Amino acid sequence: MHAQAGDRIHIRGAHVGAPDRVGEILEVRAAEGEPPYLVRFEDGHEGLIYPGPDCTVELREAQRAHG
């Protein structure tokens, strides 16, 4: 998984009824965009995460516009 600051991360709920979590990647701690990522979630909580297979990264809008 590769990401840049400004990308969004979507973490699926771990079990039925658990809410999904969405956050903005504030900082990428590895040189080539690999985890860990410092993320600010929609509820304001910030944390350092190593995304698992239940996560997807959504490119920020500027990246989508340029391909």
PDB file of N, CA and C in Angstrom:
ATOM      1  N   MET A   1       0.850  -1.164   0.000  1.00  0.00           N
ATOM      2  CA  MET A   1       0.000   0.000   0.000  1.00  0.00           C
ATOM      3  C   MET A   1       0.905   1.239   0.000  1.00  0.00           C
ATOM      4  N   HIS A   2       0.543   2.202  -0.848  1.00  0.00           N
ATOM      5  CA  HIS A   2       1.271   3.462  -0.940  1.00  0.00           C
ATOM      6  C   HIS A   2       0.296   4.610  -0.801  1.00  0.00           C
ATOM      7  N   ALA A   3       0.738   5.671  -0.140  1.00  0.00           N
ATOM      8  CA  ALA A   3      -0.116   6.839   0.071  1.00  0.00           C
ATOM      9  C   ALA A   3       0.748   8.090   0.164  1.00  0.00           C
ATOM     10  N   GLN A   4       0.072   9.242   0.104  1.00  0.00           N
ATOM     11  CA  GLN A   4       0.701  10.539   0.292  1.00  0.00           C
ATOM     12  C   GLN A   4      -0.145  11.334   1.268  1.00  0.00           C
ATOM     13  N   ALA A   5       0.484  12.314   1.905  1.00  0.00           N
ATOM     14  CA  ALA A   5      -0.281  13.208   2.768  1.00  0.00           C
ATOM     15  C   ALA A   5      -1.392  13.842   1.941  1.00  0.00           C
ATOM     16  N   GLY A   6      -2.576  13.904   2.509  1.00  0.00           N
ATOM     17  CA  GLY A   6      -3.741  14.443   1.818  1.00  0.00           C
ATOM     18  C   GLY A   6      -4.673  13.379   1.270  1.00  0.00           C
ATOM     19  N   ASP A   7      -4.161  12.155   1.096  1.00  0.00           N
ATOM     20  CA  ASP A   7      -5.021  11.046   0.670  1.00  0.00           C
ATOM     21  C   ASP A   7      -5.973  10.700   1.814  1.00  0.00           C
ATOM     22  N   ARG A   8      -7.042  10.009   1.465  1.00  0.00           N
ATOM     23  CA  ARG A   8      -7.996   9.555   2.485  1.00  0.00           C
ATOM     24  C   ARG A   8      -7.868   8.053   2.624  1.00  0.00           C
ATOM     25  N   ILE A   9      -8.066   7.580   3.837  1.00  0.00           N
ATOM     26  CA  ILE A   9      -8.026   6.145   4.100  1.00  0.00           C
ATOM     27  C   ILE A   9      -9.387   5.716   4.629  1.00  0.00           C
ATOM     28  N   HIS A  10      -9.847   4.595   4.136  1.00  0.00           N
ATOM     29  CA  HIS A  10     -11.156   4.051   4.496  1.00  0.00           C
ATOM     30  C   HIS A  10     -10.915   2.679   5.118  1.00  0.00           C
ATOM     31  N   ILE A  11     -11.334   2.533   6.373  1.00  0.00           N
ATOM     32  CA  ILE A  11     -11.160   1.271   7.097  1.00  0.00           C
ATOM     33  C   ILE A  11     -12.539   0.655   7.315  1.00  0.00           C
ATOM     34  N   ARG A  12     -12.754  -0.507   6.757  1.00  0.00           N
ATOM     35  CA  ARG A  12     -14.037  -1.199   6.884  1.00  0.00           C
ATOM     36  C   ARG A  12     -14.254  -1.678   8.322  1.00  0.00           C
ATOM     37  N   GLY A  13     -15.514  -1.709   8.743  1.00  0.00           N
ATOM     38  CA  GLY A  13     -15.851  -2.224  10.073  1.00  0.00           C
ATOM     39  C   GLY A  13     -15.386  -3.661  10.226  1.00  0.00           C
ATOM     40  N   ALA A  14     -14.894  -4.004  11.404  1.00  0.00           N
ATOM     41  CA  ALA A  14     -14.304  -5.324  11.634  1.00  0.00           C
ATOM     42  C   ALA A  14     -15.340  -6.440  11.732  1.00  0.00           C
ATOM     43  N   HIS A  15     -16.581  -6.096  12.052  1.00  0.00           N
ATOM     44  CA  HIS A  15     -17.619  -7.114  12.150  1.00  0.00           C
ATOM     45  C   HIS A  15     -18.965  -6.474  11.790  1.00  0.00           C
ATOM     46  N   VAL A  16     -19.972  -7.285  11.627  1.00  0.00           N
ATOM     47  CA  VAL A  16     -21.304  -6.806  11.241  1.00  0.00           C
ATOM     48  C   VAL A  16     -21.789  -5.776  12.263  1.00  0.00           C
ATOM     49  N   GLY A  17     -22.214  -4.641  11.757  1.00  0.00           N
ATOM     50  CA  GLY A  17     -22.722  -3.583  12.615  1.00  0.00           C
ATOM     51  C   GLY A  17     -21.677  -2.580  13.060  1.00  0.00           C
ATOM     52  N   ALA A  18     -20.395  -2.908  12.878  1.00  0.00           N
ATOM     53  CA  ALA A  18     -19.331  -1.966  13.243  1.00  0.00           C
ATOM     54  C   ALA A  18     -19.222  -0.904  12.153  1.00  0.00           C
ATOM     55  N   PRO A  19     -19.129   0.357  12.532  1.00  0.00           N
ATOM     56  CA  PRO A  19     -19.048   1.415  11.522  1.00  0.00           C
ATOM     57  C   PRO A  19     -17.695   1.427  10.822  1.00  0.00           C
ATOM     58  N   ASP A  20     -17.698   1.888   9.581  1.00  0.00           N
ATOM     59  CA  ASP A  20     -16.456   2.130   8.867  1.00  0.00           C
ATOM     60  C   ASP A  20     -15.823   3.400   9.436  1.00  0.00           C
ATOM     61  N   ARG A  21     -14.524   3.533   9.267  1.00  0.00           N
ATOM     62  CA  ARG A  21     -13.816   4.738   9.704  1.00  0.00           C
ATOM     63  C   ARG A  21     -13.126   5.347   8.491  1.00  0.00           C
ATOM     64  N   VAL A  22     -13.217   6.656   8.380  1.00  0.00           N
ATOM     65  CA  VAL A  22     -12.595   7.381   7.282  1.00  0.00           C
ATOM     66  C   VAL A  22     -11.741   8.483   7.875  1.00  0.00           C
ATOM     67  N   GLY A  23     -10.560   8.684   7.313  1.00  0.00           N
ATOM     68  CA  GLY A  23      -9.690   9.726   7.812  1.00  0.00           C
ATOM     69  C   GLY A  23      -8.780  10.264   6.728  1.00  0.00           C
ATOM     70  N   GLU A  24      -8.139  11.378   7.035  1.00  0.00           N
ATOM     71  CA  GLU A  24      -7.177  11.994   6.128  1.00  0.00           C
ATOM     72  C   GLU A  24      -5.774  11.630   6.585  1.00  0.00           C
ATOM     73  N   ILE A  25      -4.938  11.219   5.647  1.00  0.00           N
ATOM     74  CA  ILE A  25      -3.552  10.915   5.965  1.00  0.00           C
ATOM     75  C   ILE A  25      -2.810  12.239   6.092  1.00  0.00           C
ATOM     76  N   LEU A  26      -2.285  12.488   7.287  1.00  0.00           N
ATOM     77  CA  LEU A  26      -1.578  13.727   7.564  1.00  0.00           C
ATOM     78  C   LEU A  26      -0.085  13.602   7.279  1.00  0.00           C
ATOM     79  N   GLU A  27       0.444  12.408   7.519  1.00  0.00           N
ATOM     80  CA  GLU A  27       1.882  12.213   7.369  1.00  0.00           C
ATOM     81  C   GLU A  27       2.168  10.768   7.013  1.00  0.00           C
ATOM     82  N   VAL A  28       3.102  10.578   6.081  1.00  0.00           N
ATOM     83  CA  VAL A  28       3.571   9.252   5.699  1.00  0.00           C
ATOM     84  C   VAL A  28       4.967   9.116   6.279  1.00  0.00           C
ATOM     85  N   ARG A  29       5.197   8.108   7.091  1.00  0.00           N
ATOM     86  CA  ARG A  29       6.458   7.994   7.829  1.00  0.00           C
ATOM     87  C   ARG A  29       7.555   7.227   7.083  1.00  0.00           C
ATOM     88  N   ALA A  30       7.242   6.561   5.988  1.00  0.00           N
ATOM     89  CA  ALA A  30       8.250   5.827   5.221  1.00  0.00           C
ATOM     90  C   ALA A  30       8.603   6.607   3.949  1.00  0.00           C
ATOM     91  N   ALA A  31       9.794   6.388   3.448  1.00  0.00           N
ATOM     92  CA  ALA A  31      10.316   7.167   2.322  1.00  0.00           C
ATOM     93  C   ALA A  31       9.547   6.972   1.014  1.00  0.00           C
ATOM     94  N   GLU A  32       9.033   5.801   0.780  1.00  0.00           N
ATOM     95  CA  GLU A  32       8.377   5.509  -0.500  1.00  0.00           C
ATOM     96  C   GLU A  32       6.856   5.442  -0.409  1.00  0.00           C
ATOM     97  N   GLY A  33       6.271   6.007   0.634  1.00  0.00           N
ATOM     98  CA  GLY A  33       4.822   6.032   0.767  1.00  0.00           C
ATOM     99  C   GLY A  33       4.211   4.847   1.489  1.00  0.00           C
ATOM    100  N   GLU A  34       5.059   4.007   2.061  1.00  0.00           N
ATOM    101  CA  GLU A  34       4.551   2.863   2.805  1.00  0.00           C
ATOM    102  C   GLU A  34       4.151   3.277   4.215  1.00  0.00           C
ATOM    103  N   PRO A  35       3.370   2.440   4.901  1.00  0.00           N
ATOM    104  CA  PRO A  35       2.989   2.713   6.284  1.00  0.00           C
ATOM    105  C   PRO A  35       4.211   2.730   7.192  1.00  0.00           C
ATOM    106  N   PRO A  36       4.071   3.290   8.355  1.00  0.00           N
ATOM    107  CA  PRO A  36       2.845   3.748   9.014  1.00  0.00           C
ATOM    108  C   PRO A  36       2.421   5.135   8.543  1.00  0.00           C
ATOM    109  N   TYR A  37       1.129   5.430   8.774  1.00  0.00           N
ATOM    110  CA  TYR A  37       0.543   6.716   8.416  1.00  0.00           C
ATOM    111  C   TYR A  37      -0.032   7.375   9.664  1.00  0.00           C
ATOM    112  N   LEU A  38       0.180   8.676   9.773  1.00  0.00           N
ATOM    113  CA  LEU A  38      -0.486   9.449  10.806  1.00  0.00           C
ATOM    114  C   LEU A  38      -1.800   9.918  10.190  1.00  0.00           C
ATOM    115  N   VAL A  39      -2.915   9.560  10.819  1.00  0.00           N
ATOM    116  CA  VAL A  39      -4.246   9.798  10.252  1.00  0.00           C
ATOM    117  C   VAL A  39      -5.105  10.596  11.231  1.00  0.00           C
ATOM    118  N   ARG A  40      -5.868  11.552  10.686  1.00  0.00           N
ATOM    119  CA  ARG A  40      -6.902  12.249  11.470  1.00  0.00           C
ATOM    120  C   ARG A  40      -8.246  11.733  10.979  1.00  0.00           C
ATOM    121  N   PHE A  41      -8.970  11.089  11.891  1.00  0.00           N
ATOM    122  CA  PHE A  41     -10.264  10.523  11.547  1.00  0.00           C
ATOM    123  C   PHE A  41     -11.358  11.584  11.635  1.00  0.00           C
ATOM    124  N   GLU A  42     -12.515  11.276  11.076  1.00  0.00           N
ATOM    125  CA  GLU A  42     -13.625  12.227  11.018  1.00  0.00           C
ATOM    126  C   GLU A  42     -14.077  12.714  12.385  1.00  0.00           C
ATOM    127  N   ASP A  43     -13.855  11.905  13.430  1.00  0.00           N
ATOM    128  CA  ASP A  43     -14.263  12.315  14.775  1.00  0.00           C
ATOM    129  C   ASP A  43     -13.213  13.190  15.462  1.00  0.00           C
ATOM    130  N   GLY A  44     -12.109  13.513  14.753  1.00  0.00           N
ATOM    131  CA  GLY A  44     -11.062  14.357  15.292  1.00  0.00           C
ATOM    132  C   GLY A  44      -9.904  13.604  15.912  1.00  0.00           C
ATOM    133  N   HIS A  45     -10.075  12.300  16.136  1.00  0.00           N
ATOM    134  CA  HIS A  45      -9.015  11.473  16.724  1.00  0.00           C
ATOM    135  C   HIS A  45      -7.870  11.342  15.728  1.00  0.00           C
ATOM    136  N   GLU A  46      -6.632  11.430  16.213  1.00  0.00           N
ATOM    137  CA  GLU A  46      -5.458  11.204  15.385  1.00  0.00           C
ATOM    138  C   GLU A  46      -4.718   9.984  15.897  1.00  0.00           C
ATOM    139  N   GLY A  47      -4.181   9.216  14.977  1.00  0.00           N
ATOM    140  CA  GLY A  47      -3.444   8.032  15.387  1.00  0.00           C
ATOM    141  C   GLY A  47      -2.501   7.563  14.306  1.00  0.00           C
ATOM    142  N   LEU A  48      -1.500   6.805  14.706  1.00  0.00           N
ATOM    143  CA  LEU A  48      -0.541   6.202  13.808  1.00  0.00           C
ATOM    144  C   LEU A  48      -1.046   4.803  13.476  1.00  0.00           C
ATOM    145  N   ILE A  49      -1.211   4.515  12.202  1.00  0.00           N
ATOM    146  CA  ILE A  49      -1.770   3.214  11.829  1.00  0.00           C
ATOM    147  C   ILE A  49      -0.897   2.506  10.794  1.00  0.00           C
ATOM    148  N   TYR A  50      -0.977   1.197  10.840  1.00  0.00           N
ATOM    149  CA  TYR A  50      -0.445   0.311   9.820  1.00  0.00           C
ATOM    150  C   TYR A  50      -1.673  -0.349   9.195  1.00  0.00           C
ATOM    151  N   PRO A  51      -2.113   0.105   8.033  1.00  0.00           N
ATOM    152  CA  PRO A  51      -3.353  -0.417   7.451  1.00  0.00           C
ATOM    153  C   PRO A  51      -3.278  -1.906   7.143  1.00  0.00           C
ATOM    154  N   GLY A  52      -4.397  -2.564   7.355  1.00  0.00           N
ATOM    155  CA  GLY A  52      -4.512  -3.984   7.060  1.00  0.00           C
ATOM    156  C   GLY A  52      -5.287  -4.209   5.773  1.00  0.00           C
ATOM    157  N   PRO A  53      -5.681  -5.450   5.520  1.00  0.00           N
ATOM    158  CA  PRO A  53      -6.384  -5.780   4.281  1.00  0.00           C
ATOM    159  C   PRO A  53      -7.796  -5.195   4.204  1.00  0.00           C
ATOM    160  N   ASP A  54      -8.292  -4.661   5.312  1.00  0.00           N
ATOM    161  CA  ASP A  54      -9.630  -4.070   5.323  1.00  0.00           C
ATOM    162  C   ASP A  54      -9.595  -2.575   4.985  1.00  0.00           C
ATOM    163  N   CYS A  55      -8.445  -2.068   4.531  1.00  0.00           N
ATOM    164  CA  CYS A  55      -8.274  -0.636   4.259  1.00  0.00           C
ATOM    165  C   CYS A  55      -8.086  -0.362   2.774  1.00  0.00           C
ATOM    166  N   THR A  56      -8.565   0.786   2.342  1.00  0.00           N
ATOM    167  CA  THR A  56      -8.294   1.288   1.002  1.00  0.00           C
ATOM    168  C   THR A  56      -7.853   2.737   1.115  1.00  0.00           C
ATOM    169  N   VAL A  57      -7.006   3.155   0.187  1.00  0.00           N
ATOM    170  CA  VAL A  57      -6.546   4.539   0.127  1.00  0.00           C
ATOM    171  C   VAL A  57      -7.195   5.189  -1.078  1.00  0.00           C
ATOM    172  N   GLU A  58      -7.768   6.358  -0.860  1.00  0.00           N
ATOM    173  CA  GLU A  58      -8.388   7.138  -1.930  1.00  0.00           C
ATOM    174  C   GLU A  58      -7.499   8.332  -2.209  1.00  0.00           C
ATOM    175  N   LEU A  59      -7.107   8.493  -3.477  1.00  0.00           N
ATOM    176  CA  LEU A  59      -6.238   9.596  -3.853  1.00  0.00           C
ATOM    177  C   LEU A  59      -6.918  10.935  -3.615  1.00  0.00           C
ATOM    178  N   ARG A  60      -6.119  11.939  -3.239  1.00  0.00           N
ATOM    179  CA  ARG A  60      -6.675  13.277  -3.074  1.00  0.00           C
ATOM    180  C   ARG A  60      -7.099  13.806  -4.431  1.00  0.00           C
ATOM    181  N   GLU A  61      -7.942  14.786  -4.446  1.00  0.00           N
ATOM    182  CA  GLU A  61      -8.549  15.313  -5.676  1.00  0.00           C
ATOM    183  C   GLU A  61      -7.524  15.774  -6.693  1.00  0.00           C
ATOM    184  N   ALA A  62      -6.442  16.434  -6.266  1.00  0.00           N
ATOM    185  CA  ALA A  62      -5.436  16.941  -7.201  1.00  0.00           C
ATOM    186  C   ALA A  62      -4.797  15.806  -7.993  1.00  0.00           C
ATOM    187  N   GLN A  63      -4.579  14.655  -7.379  1.00  0.00           N
ATOM    188  CA  GLN A  63      -4.001  13.519  -8.068  1.00  0.00           C
ATOM    189  C   GLN A  63      -4.958  12.939  -9.098  1.00  0.00           C
ATOM    190  N   ARG A  64      -6.246  12.922  -8.775  1.00  0.00           N
ATOM    191  CA  ARG A  64      -7.239  12.396  -9.719  1.00  0.00           C
ATOM    192  C   ARG A  64      -7.322  13.266 -10.960  1.00  0.00           C
ATOM    193  N   ALA A  65      -7.233  14.572 -10.787  1.00  0.00           N
ATOM    194  CA  ALA A  65      -7.343  15.496 -11.911  1.00  0.00           C
ATOM    195  C   ALA A  65      -6.181  15.348 -12.902  1.00  0.00           C
ATOM    196  N   HIS A  66      -5.020  14.916 -12.397  1.00  0.00           N
ATOM    197  CA  HIS A  66      -3.840  14.808 -13.252  1.00  0.00           C
ATOM    198  C   HIS A  66      -3.516  13.372 -13.635  1.00  0.00           C
ATOM    199  N   GLY A  67      -4.439  12.477 -13.385  1.00  0.00           N
ATOM    200  CA  GLY A  67      -4.285  11.118 -13.837  1.00  0.00           C
ATOM    201  C   GLY A  67      -3.698  10.219 -12.853  1.00  0.00           C
TER     202      GLY A  67
END
